[in-house]
Amino acid sequence: MAKTMKIDESGTHVGDMESTGMDSLSQGTSQFGLGLIMTLAALIGVWGVACLIGGIAKCEGILDLVRGYFTAVMGM
């Protein structure tokens, strides 16, 4: 454990206190959470691109895909 100095408002040395390691635990947890979110976002992006490519392959072209999308959204 790391020792840090405790200093009061006047600037005098009051004593030493030991860090509990909670800072490193919370930093590691937030790094893991951020990594998990970024990984899931990348997987969703890859899935979306794969669906778009599949839709273009199924239709005759991009314009036919866009026309079919607007027809589905507008209900025509």
PDB file of N, CA and C in Angstrom:
ATOM      1  N   MET A   1       0.834  -1.180   0.000  1.00  0.00           N
ATOM      2  CA  MET A   1       0.000   0.000   0.000  1.00  0.00           C
ATOM      3  C   MET A   1       0.879   1.243   0.000  1.00  0.00           C
ATOM      4  N   ALA A   2       0.420   2.233  -0.698  1.00  0.00           N
ATOM      5  CA  ALA A   2       1.175   3.471  -0.822  1.00  0.00           C
ATOM      6  C   ALA A   2       0.892   4.377   0.359  1.00  0.00           C
ATOM      7  N   LYS A   3       1.957   5.015   0.853  1.00  0.00           N
ATOM      8  CA  LYS A   3       1.785   5.970   1.940  1.00  0.00           C
ATOM      9  C   LYS A   3       1.725   7.375   1.371  1.00  0.00           C
ATOM     10  N   THR A   4       0.803   8.150   1.884  1.00  0.00           N
ATOM     11  CA  THR A   4       0.692   9.539   1.478  1.00  0.00           C
ATOM     12  C   THR A   4       0.744  10.413   2.709  1.00  0.00           C
ATOM     13  N   MET A   5       1.251  11.626   2.538  1.00  0.00           N
ATOM     14  CA  MET A   5       1.325  12.562   3.655  1.00  0.00           C
ATOM     15  C   MET A   5       0.028  13.325   3.786  1.00  0.00           C
ATOM     16  N   LYS A   6      -0.386  13.514   5.020  1.00  0.00           N
ATOM     17  CA  LYS A   6      -1.577  14.313   5.277  1.00  0.00           C
ATOM     18  C   LYS A   6      -1.111  15.675   5.771  1.00  0.00           C
ATOM     19  N   ILE A   7      -1.564  16.725   5.083  1.00  0.00           N
ATOM     20  CA  ILE A   7      -1.155  18.091   5.414  1.00  0.00           C
ATOM     21  C   ILE A   7      -2.419  18.911   5.642  1.00  0.00           C
ATOM     22  N   ASP A   8      -2.435  19.701   6.716  1.00  0.00           N
ATOM     23  CA  ASP A   8      -3.623  20.513   7.001  1.00  0.00           C
ATOM     24  C   ASP A   8      -3.585  21.820   6.211  1.00  0.00           C
ATOM     25  N   GLU A   9      -4.560  22.702   6.468  1.00  0.00           N
ATOM     26  CA  GLU A   9      -4.704  23.932   5.700  1.00  0.00           C
ATOM     27  C   GLU A   9      -3.511  24.874   5.843  1.00  0.00           C
ATOM     28  N   SER A  10      -2.848  24.858   6.993  1.00  0.00           N
ATOM     29  CA  SER A  10      -1.722  25.769   7.204  1.00  0.00           C
ATOM     30  C   SER A  10      -0.443  25.271   6.543  1.00  0.00           C
ATOM     31  N   GLY A  11      -0.455  24.046   6.032  1.00  0.00           N
ATOM     32  CA  GLY A  11       0.712  23.519   5.339  1.00  0.00           C
ATOM     33  C   GLY A  11       1.633  22.707   6.222  1.00  0.00           C
ATOM     34  N   THR A  12       1.236  22.428   7.457  1.00  0.00           N
ATOM     35  CA  THR A  12       2.080  21.630   8.340  1.00  0.00           C
ATOM     36  C   THR A  12       1.758  20.152   8.188  1.00  0.00           C
ATOM     37  N   HIS A  13       2.779  19.337   8.346  1.00  0.00           N
ATOM     38  CA  HIS A  13       2.653  17.893   8.217  1.00  0.00           C
ATOM     39  C   HIS A  13       1.925  17.349   9.442  1.00  0.00           C
ATOM     40  N   VAL A  14       0.791  16.672   9.212  1.00  0.00           N
ATOM     41  CA  VAL A  14      -0.005  16.151  10.322  1.00  0.00           C
ATOM     42  C   VAL A  14       0.316  14.695  10.567  1.00  0.00           C
ATOM     43  N   GLY A  15       0.478  13.903   9.552  1.00  0.00           N
ATOM     44  CA  GLY A  15       0.768  12.487   9.724  1.00  0.00           C
ATOM     45  C   GLY A  15       0.687  11.752   8.403  1.00  0.00           C
ATOM     46  N   ASP A  16       1.041  10.482   8.444  1.00  0.00           N
ATOM     47  CA  ASP A  16       0.979   9.648   7.252  1.00  0.00           C
ATOM     48  C   ASP A  16      -0.308   8.830   7.283  1.00  0.00           C
ATOM     49  N   MET A  17      -0.856   8.593   6.123  1.00  0.00           N
ATOM     50  CA  MET A  17      -2.009   7.713   6.030  1.00  0.00           C
ATOM     51  C   MET A  17      -1.806   6.799   4.840  1.00  0.00           C
ATOM     52  N   GLU A  18      -2.343   5.597   4.927  1.00  0.00           N
ATOM     53  CA  GLU A  18      -2.155   4.621   3.864  1.00  0.00           C
ATOM     54  C   GLU A  18      -3.367   4.597   2.956  1.00  0.00           C
ATOM     55  N   SER A  19      -3.097   4.483   1.674  1.00  0.00           N
ATOM     56  CA  SER A  19      -4.157   4.371   0.692  1.00  0.00           C
ATOM     57  C   SER A  19      -4.750   2.961   0.758  1.00  0.00           C
ATOM     58  N   THR A  20      -6.057   2.843   0.643  1.00  0.00           N
ATOM     59  CA  THR A  20      -6.700   1.534   0.754  1.00  0.00           C
ATOM     60  C   THR A  20      -6.748   0.775  -0.549  1.00  0.00           C
ATOM     61  N   GLY A  21      -6.434   1.411  -1.641  1.00  0.00           N
ATOM     62  CA  GLY A  21      -6.491   0.756  -2.940  1.00  0.00           C
ATOM     63  C   GLY A  21      -7.843   0.874  -3.600  1.00  0.00           C
ATOM     64  N   MET A  22      -8.768   1.586  -2.987  1.00  0.00           N
ATOM     65  CA  MET A  22     -10.097   1.752  -3.576  1.00  0.00           C
ATOM     66  C   MET A  22     -10.042   2.591  -4.846  1.00  0.00           C
ATOM     67  N   ASP A  23      -9.091   3.521  -4.911  1.00  0.00           N
ATOM     68  CA  ASP A  23      -8.960   4.338  -6.118  1.00  0.00           C
ATOM     69  C   ASP A  23      -8.602   3.473  -7.318  1.00  0.00           C
ATOM     70  N   SER A  24      -7.650   2.557  -7.132  1.00  0.00           N
ATOM     71  CA  SER A  24      -7.254   1.702  -8.249  1.00  0.00           C
ATOM     72  C   SER A  24      -8.362   0.716  -8.605  1.00  0.00           C
ATOM     73  N   LEU A  25      -9.132   0.278  -7.613  1.00  0.00           N
ATOM     74  CA  LEU A  25     -10.247  -0.626  -7.885  1.00  0.00           C
ATOM     75  C   LEU A  25     -11.328   0.078  -8.685  1.00  0.00           C
ATOM     76  N   SER A  26     -11.665   1.294  -8.304  1.00  0.00           N
ATOM     77  CA  SER A  26     -12.700   2.022  -9.042  1.00  0.00           C
ATOM     78  C   SER A  26     -12.219   2.392 -10.442  1.00  0.00           C
ATOM     79  N   GLN A  27     -10.946   2.702 -10.581  1.00  0.00           N
ATOM     80  CA  GLN A  27     -10.413   3.013 -11.910  1.00  0.00           C
ATOM     81  C   GLN A  27     -10.429   1.769 -12.795  1.00  0.00           C
ATOM     82  N   GLY A  28     -10.062   0.628 -12.247  1.00  0.00           N
ATOM     83  CA  GLY A  28     -10.093  -0.618 -13.016  1.00  0.00           C
ATOM     84  C   GLY A  28     -11.501  -1.006 -13.407  1.00  0.00           C
ATOM     85  N   THR A  29     -12.452  -0.791 -12.502  1.00  0.00           N
ATOM     86  CA  THR A  29     -13.847  -1.098 -12.800  1.00  0.00           C
ATOM     87  C   THR A  29     -14.384  -0.208 -13.907  1.00  0.00           C
ATOM     88  N   SER A  30     -14.071   1.079 -13.848  1.00  0.00           N
ATOM     89  CA  SER A  30     -14.559   1.980 -14.893  1.00  0.00           C
ATOM     90  C   SER A  30     -13.884   1.693 -16.232  1.00  0.00           C
ATOM     91  N   GLN A  31     -12.620   1.295 -16.221  1.00  0.00           N
ATOM     92  CA  GLN A  31     -11.949   0.928 -17.468  1.00  0.00           C
ATOM     93  C   GLN A  31     -12.579  -0.320 -18.068  1.00  0.00           C
ATOM     94  N   PHE A  32     -12.931  -1.287 -17.229  1.00  0.00           N
ATOM     95  CA  PHE A  32     -13.590  -2.499 -17.713  1.00  0.00           C
ATOM     96  C   PHE A  32     -14.955  -2.162 -18.301  1.00  0.00           C
ATOM     97  N   GLY A  33     -15.708  -1.326 -17.624  1.00  0.00           N
ATOM     98  CA  GLY A  33     -17.032  -0.935 -18.108  1.00  0.00           C
ATOM     99  C   GLY A  33     -16.949  -0.199 -19.432  1.00  0.00           C
ATOM    100  N   LEU A  34     -16.008   0.709 -19.552  1.00  0.00           N
ATOM    101  CA  LEU A  34     -15.834   1.444 -20.798  1.00  0.00           C
ATOM    102  C   LEU A  34     -15.416   0.507 -21.932  1.00  0.00           C
ATOM    103  N   GLY A  35     -14.535  -0.427 -21.641  1.00  0.00           N
ATOM    104  CA  GLY A  35     -14.118  -1.403 -22.648  1.00  0.00           C
ATOM    105  C   GLY A  35     -15.272  -2.282 -23.089  1.00  0.00           C
ATOM    106  N   LEU A  36     -16.121  -2.674 -22.146  1.00  0.00           N
ATOM    107  CA  LEU A  36     -17.281  -3.502 -22.474  1.00  0.00           C
ATOM    108  C   LEU A  36     -18.262  -2.738 -23.361  1.00  0.00           C
ATOM    109  N   ILE A  37     -18.514  -1.487 -23.027  1.00  0.00           N
ATOM    110  CA  ILE A  37     -19.424  -0.664 -23.825  1.00  0.00           C
ATOM    111  C   ILE A  37     -18.874  -0.463 -25.237  1.00  0.00           C
ATOM    112  N   MET A  38     -17.585  -0.204 -25.348  1.00  0.00           N
ATOM    113  CA  MET A  38     -16.980   0.005 -26.664  1.00  0.00           C
ATOM    114  C   MET A  38     -17.009  -1.282 -27.498  1.00  0.00           C
ATOM    115  N   THR A  39     -16.788  -2.420 -26.862  1.00  0.00           N
ATOM    116  CA  THR A  39     -16.837  -3.704 -27.573  1.00  0.00           C
ATOM    117  C   THR A  39     -18.240  -3.988 -28.088  1.00  0.00           C
ATOM    118  N   LEU A  40     -19.238  -3.765 -27.239  1.00  0.00           N
ATOM    119  CA  LEU A  40     -20.621  -3.987 -27.668  1.00  0.00           C
ATOM    120  C   LEU A  40     -21.026  -3.022 -28.783  1.00  0.00           C
ATOM    121  N   ALA A  41     -20.577  -1.774 -28.708  1.00  0.00           N
ATOM    122  CA  ALA A  41     -20.875  -0.807 -29.764  1.00  0.00           C
ATOM    123  C   ALA A  41     -20.246  -1.248 -31.087  1.00  0.00           C
ATOM    124  N   ALA A  42     -19.031  -1.773 -31.035  1.00  0.00           N
ATOM    125  CA  ALA A  42     -18.374  -2.256 -32.250  1.00  0.00           C
ATOM    126  C   ALA A  42     -19.113  -3.450 -32.835  1.00  0.00           C
ATOM    127  N   LEU A  43     -19.563  -4.370 -31.977  1.00  0.00           N
ATOM    128  CA  LEU A  43     -20.313  -5.524 -32.468  1.00  0.00           C
ATOM    129  C   LEU A  43     -21.635  -5.110 -33.107  1.00  0.00           C
ATOM    130  N   ILE A  44     -22.331  -4.149 -32.515  1.00  0.00           N
ATOM    131  CA  ILE A  44     -23.584  -3.661 -33.082  1.00  0.00           C
ATOM    132  C   ILE A  44     -23.328  -2.976 -34.425  1.00  0.00           C
ATOM    133  N   GLY A  45     -22.238  -2.226 -34.531  1.00  0.00           N
ATOM    134  CA  GLY A  45     -21.889  -1.585 -35.793  1.00  0.00           C
ATOM    135  C   GLY A  45     -21.581  -2.590 -36.889  1.00  0.00           C
ATOM    136  N   VAL A  46     -20.828  -3.625 -36.550  1.00  0.00           N
ATOM    137  CA  VAL A  46     -20.502  -4.668 -37.531  1.00  0.00           C
ATOM    138  C   VAL A  46     -21.777  -5.386 -37.965  1.00  0.00           C
ATOM    139  N   TRP A  47     -22.662  -5.660 -37.016  1.00  0.00           N
ATOM    140  CA  TRP A  47     -23.934  -6.317 -37.334  1.00  0.00           C
ATOM    141  C   TRP A  47     -24.782  -5.440 -38.267  1.00  0.00           C
ATOM    142  N   GLY A  48     -24.824  -4.135 -38.003  1.00  0.00           N
ATOM    143  CA  GLY A  48     -25.577  -3.215 -38.855  1.00  0.00           C
ATOM    144  C   GLY A  48     -25.038  -3.171 -40.273  1.00  0.00           C
ATOM    145  N   VAL A  49     -23.721  -3.143 -40.417  1.00  0.00           N
ATOM    146  CA  VAL A  49     -23.115  -3.126 -41.752  1.00  0.00           C
ATOM    147  C   VAL A  49     -23.406  -4.441 -42.476  1.00  0.00           C
ATOM    148  N   ALA A  50     -23.347  -5.556 -41.742  1.00  0.00           N
ATOM    149  CA  ALA A  50     -23.650  -6.851 -42.356  1.00  0.00           C
ATOM    150  C   ALA A  50     -25.100  -6.906 -42.832  1.00  0.00           C
ATOM    151  N   CYS A  51     -26.016  -6.351 -42.045  1.00  0.00           N
ATOM    152  CA  CYS A  51     -27.427  -6.311 -42.457  1.00  0.00           C
ATOM    153  C   CYS A  51     -27.615  -5.422 -43.675  1.00  0.00           C
ATOM    154  N   LEU A  52     -26.920  -4.309 -43.723  1.00  0.00           N
ATOM    155  CA  LEU A  52     -27.012  -3.411 -44.875  1.00  0.00           C
ATOM    156  C   LEU A  52     -26.487  -4.091 -46.139  1.00  0.00           C
ATOM    157  N   ILE A  53     -25.378  -4.781 -46.029  1.00  0.00           N
ATOM    158  CA  ILE A  53     -24.822  -5.498 -47.181  1.00  0.00           C
ATOM    159  C   ILE A  53     -25.773  -6.616 -47.615  1.00  0.00           C
ATOM    160  N   GLY A  54     -26.364  -7.307 -46.656  1.00  0.00           N
ATOM    161  CA  GLY A  54     -27.337  -8.345 -46.993  1.00  0.00           C
ATOM    162  C   GLY A  54     -28.560  -7.775 -47.678  1.00  0.00           C
ATOM    163  N   GLY A  55     -29.015  -6.608 -47.240  1.00  0.00           N
ATOM    164  CA  GLY A  55     -30.164  -5.965 -47.878  1.00  0.00           C
ATOM    165  C   GLY A  55     -29.860  -5.518 -49.288  1.00  0.00           C
ATOM    166  N   ILE A  56     -28.673  -4.987 -49.499  1.00  0.00           N
ATOM    167  CA  ILE A  56     -28.276  -4.565 -50.851  1.00  0.00           C
ATOM    168  C   ILE A  56     -28.156  -5.778 -51.762  1.00  0.00           C
ATOM    169  N   ALA A  57     -27.641  -6.884 -51.239  1.00  0.00           N
ATOM    170  CA  ALA A  57     -27.501  -8.097 -52.047  1.00  0.00           C
ATOM    171  C   ALA A  57     -28.865  -8.679 -52.404  1.00  0.00           C
ATOM    172  N   LYS A  58     -29.831  -8.563 -51.499  1.00  0.00           N
ATOM    173  CA  LYS A  58     -31.166  -9.105 -51.739  1.00  0.00           C
ATOM    174  C   LYS A  58     -31.922  -8.259 -52.772  1.00  0.00           C
ATOM    175  N   CYS A  59     -31.745  -6.942 -52.715  1.00  0.00           N
ATOM    176  CA  CYS A  59     -32.416  -6.049 -53.666  1.00  0.00           C
ATOM    177  C   CYS A  59     -31.587  -5.964 -54.941  1.00  0.00           C
ATOM    178  N   GLU A  60     -32.123  -5.236 -55.908  1.00  0.00           N
ATOM    179  CA  GLU A  60     -31.397  -5.068 -57.167  1.00  0.00           C
ATOM    180  C   GLU A  60     -30.304  -4.017 -57.068  1.00  0.00           C
ATOM    181  N   GLY A  61     -30.372  -3.182 -56.054  1.00  0.00           N
ATOM    182  CA  GLY A  61     -29.369  -2.139 -55.886  1.00  0.00           C
ATOM    183  C   GLY A  61     -29.715  -1.262 -54.695  1.00  0.00           C
ATOM    184  N   ILE A  62     -28.921  -0.225 -54.513  1.00  0.00           N
ATOM    185  CA  ILE A  62     -29.110   0.659 -53.357  1.00  0.00           C
ATOM    186  C   ILE A  62     -30.411   1.444 -53.479  1.00  0.00           C
ATOM    187  N   LEU A  63     -30.743   1.908 -54.686  1.00  0.00           N
ATOM    188  CA  LEU A  63     -31.976   2.676 -54.867  1.00  0.00           C
ATOM    189  C   LEU A  63     -33.209   1.834 -54.571  1.00  0.00           C
ATOM    190  N   ASP A  64     -33.190   0.575 -54.972  1.00  0.00           N
ATOM    191  CA  ASP A  64     -34.298  -0.319 -54.665  1.00  0.00           C
ATOM    192  C   ASP A  64     -34.408  -0.554 -53.159  1.00  0.00           C
ATOM    193  N   LEU A  65     -33.274  -0.613 -52.493  1.00  0.00           N
ATOM    194  CA  LEU A  65     -33.268  -0.767 -51.026  1.00  0.00           C
ATOM    195  C   LEU A  65     -33.858   0.461 -50.349  1.00  0.00           C
ATOM    196  N   VAL A  66     -33.474   1.646 -50.801  1.00  0.00           N
ATOM    197  CA  VAL A  66     -33.990   2.896 -50.219  1.00  0.00           C
ATOM    198  C   VAL A  66     -35.488   3.017 -50.490  1.00  0.00           C
ATOM    199  N   ARG A  67     -35.911   2.680 -51.688  1.00  0.00           N
ATOM    200  CA  ARG A  67     -37.331   2.723 -52.037  1.00  0.00           C
ATOM    201  C   ARG A  67     -38.125   1.753 -51.150  1.00  0.00           C
ATOM    202  N   GLY A  68     -37.615   0.559 -50.950  1.00  0.00           N
ATOM    203  CA  GLY A  68     -38.279  -0.416 -50.089  1.00  0.00           C
ATOM    204  C   GLY A  68     -38.333   0.040 -48.636  1.00  0.00           C
ATOM    205  N   TYR A  69     -37.275   0.711 -48.180  1.00  0.00           N
ATOM    206  CA  TYR A  69     -37.258   1.232 -46.801  1.00  0.00           C
ATOM    207  C   TYR A  69     -38.336   2.299 -46.613  1.00  0.00           C
ATOM    208  N   PHE A  70     -38.389   3.257 -47.549  1.00  0.00           N
ATOM    209  CA  PHE A  70     -39.399   4.314 -47.416  1.00  0.00           C
ATOM    210  C   PHE A  70     -40.811   3.760 -47.562  1.00  0.00           C
ATOM    211  N   THR A  71     -40.983   2.765 -48.398  1.00  0.00           N
ATOM    212  CA  THR A  71     -42.295   2.133 -48.522  1.00  0.00           C
ATOM    213  C   THR A  71     -42.694   1.465 -47.205  1.00  0.00           C
ATOM    214  N   ALA A  72     -41.762   0.829 -46.536  1.00  0.00           N
ATOM    215  CA  ALA A  72     -42.058   0.166 -45.258  1.00  0.00           C
ATOM    216  C   ALA A  72     -42.339   1.198 -44.169  1.00  0.00           C
ATOM    217  N   VAL A  73     -41.602   2.303 -44.150  1.00  0.00           N
ATOM    218  CA  VAL A  73     -41.785   3.318 -43.109  1.00  0.00           C
ATOM    219  C   VAL A  73     -43.076   4.101 -43.324  1.00  0.00           C
ATOM    220  N   MET A  74     -43.349   4.482 -44.561  1.00  0.00           N
ATOM    221  CA  MET A  74     -44.531   5.303 -44.858  1.00  0.00           C
ATOM    222  C   MET A  74     -45.817   4.476 -44.962  1.00  0.00           C
ATOM    223  N   GLY A  75     -45.694   3.181 -45.169  1.00  0.00           N
ATOM    224  CA  GLY A  75     -46.862   2.325 -45.258  1.00  0.00           C
ATOM    225  C   GLY A  75     -47.560   2.366 -46.594  1.00  0.00           C
ATOM    226  N   MET A  76     -46.870   2.738 -47.611  1.00  0.00           N
ATOM    227  CA  MET A  76     -47.479   2.821 -48.955  1.00  0.00           C
ATOM    228  C   MET A  76     -47.425   1.488 -49.664  1.00  0.00           C
TER     229      MET A  76
END
